[in-house]
Amino acid sequence: MPPVISRPSRSADEVNEQIRSLWLRAGGRLTAEQRAQYALLVTEWAEATRSEVPEAA
């Protein structure tokens, strides 16, 4: 049985917009809580980016 590949529910563009919004709200300096949120968002963005790349034949 082939492995199940989970796809992110949001596009890379959507996650990127949330990352930008976080930085704007923070005024360029993230608190510890915001840094944790940022790390999760960057991970989600990377997964979304990979899922948007077409598979090679």
Protein backbone atom coordinates (compact mmCIF):
# COMPACT_ATOMS: atom_id res chain seq x y z
CA MET A 1 0.00 0.00 0.00
CA PRO A 2 1.48 3.40 -0.99
CA PRO A 3 2.11 5.94 1.76
CA VAL A 4 -0.57 8.54 2.36
CA ILE A 5 0.62 12.02 1.47
CA SER A 6 -1.15 14.74 3.39
CA ARG A 7 -1.59 18.02 1.59
CA PRO A 8 -1.64 21.32 3.45
CA SER A 9 -5.07 22.85 3.66
CA ARG A 10 -3.76 26.33 2.77
CA SER A 11 -1.69 27.48 -0.18
CA ALA A 12 1.83 28.80 0.22
CA ASP A 13 0.53 32.25 -0.71
CA GLU A 14 -2.06 32.16 2.07
CA VAL A 15 0.51 31.13 4.67
CA ASN A 16 2.99 33.70 3.38
CA GLU A 17 0.36 36.41 3.82
CA GLN A 18 -0.14 35.31 7.43
CA ILE A 19 3.64 35.43 8.01
CA ARG A 20 3.78 38.97 6.61
CA SER A 21 0.84 39.99 8.78
CA LEU A 22 2.54 38.59 11.88
CA TRP A 23 5.67 40.63 11.19
CA LEU A 24 3.65 43.79 10.55
CA ARG A 25 1.66 43.40 13.77
CA ALA A 26 4.86 42.75 15.69
CA GLY A 27 6.58 45.82 14.31
CA GLY A 28 9.62 43.77 13.28
CA ARG A 29 10.31 42.31 16.74
CA LEU A 30 8.72 39.00 17.64
CA THR A 31 7.95 37.92 21.18
CA ALA A 32 8.73 34.35 22.24
CA GLU A 33 5.11 33.39 21.54
CA GLN A 34 5.20 35.06 18.13
CA ARG A 35 8.50 33.33 17.30
CA ALA A 36 6.86 29.98 18.03
CA GLN A 37 3.93 30.91 15.79
CA TYR A 38 6.36 32.08 13.10
CA ALA A 39 8.23 28.76 13.22
CA LEU A 40 4.97 26.85 12.73
CA LEU A 41 3.96 29.11 9.86
CA VAL A 42 7.33 28.73 8.12
CA THR A 43 7.06 24.95 8.41
CA GLU A 44 3.52 25.05 7.00
CA TRP A 45 4.68 27.36 4.19
CA ALA A 46 7.53 25.00 3.27
CA GLU A 47 5.14 22.03 3.16
CA ALA A 48 2.68 23.99 1.03
CA THR A 49 5.47 25.05 -1.32
CA ARG A 50 6.58 21.45 -1.79
CA SER A 51 3.03 20.29 -2.44
CA GLU A 52 2.58 22.93 -5.16
CA VAL A 53 5.55 21.67 -7.18
CA PRO A 54 4.39 19.25 -9.88
CA GLU A 55 5.67 15.70 -9.53
CA ALA A 56 8.29 14.61 -12.05
CA ALA A 57 7.24 11.94 -14.50
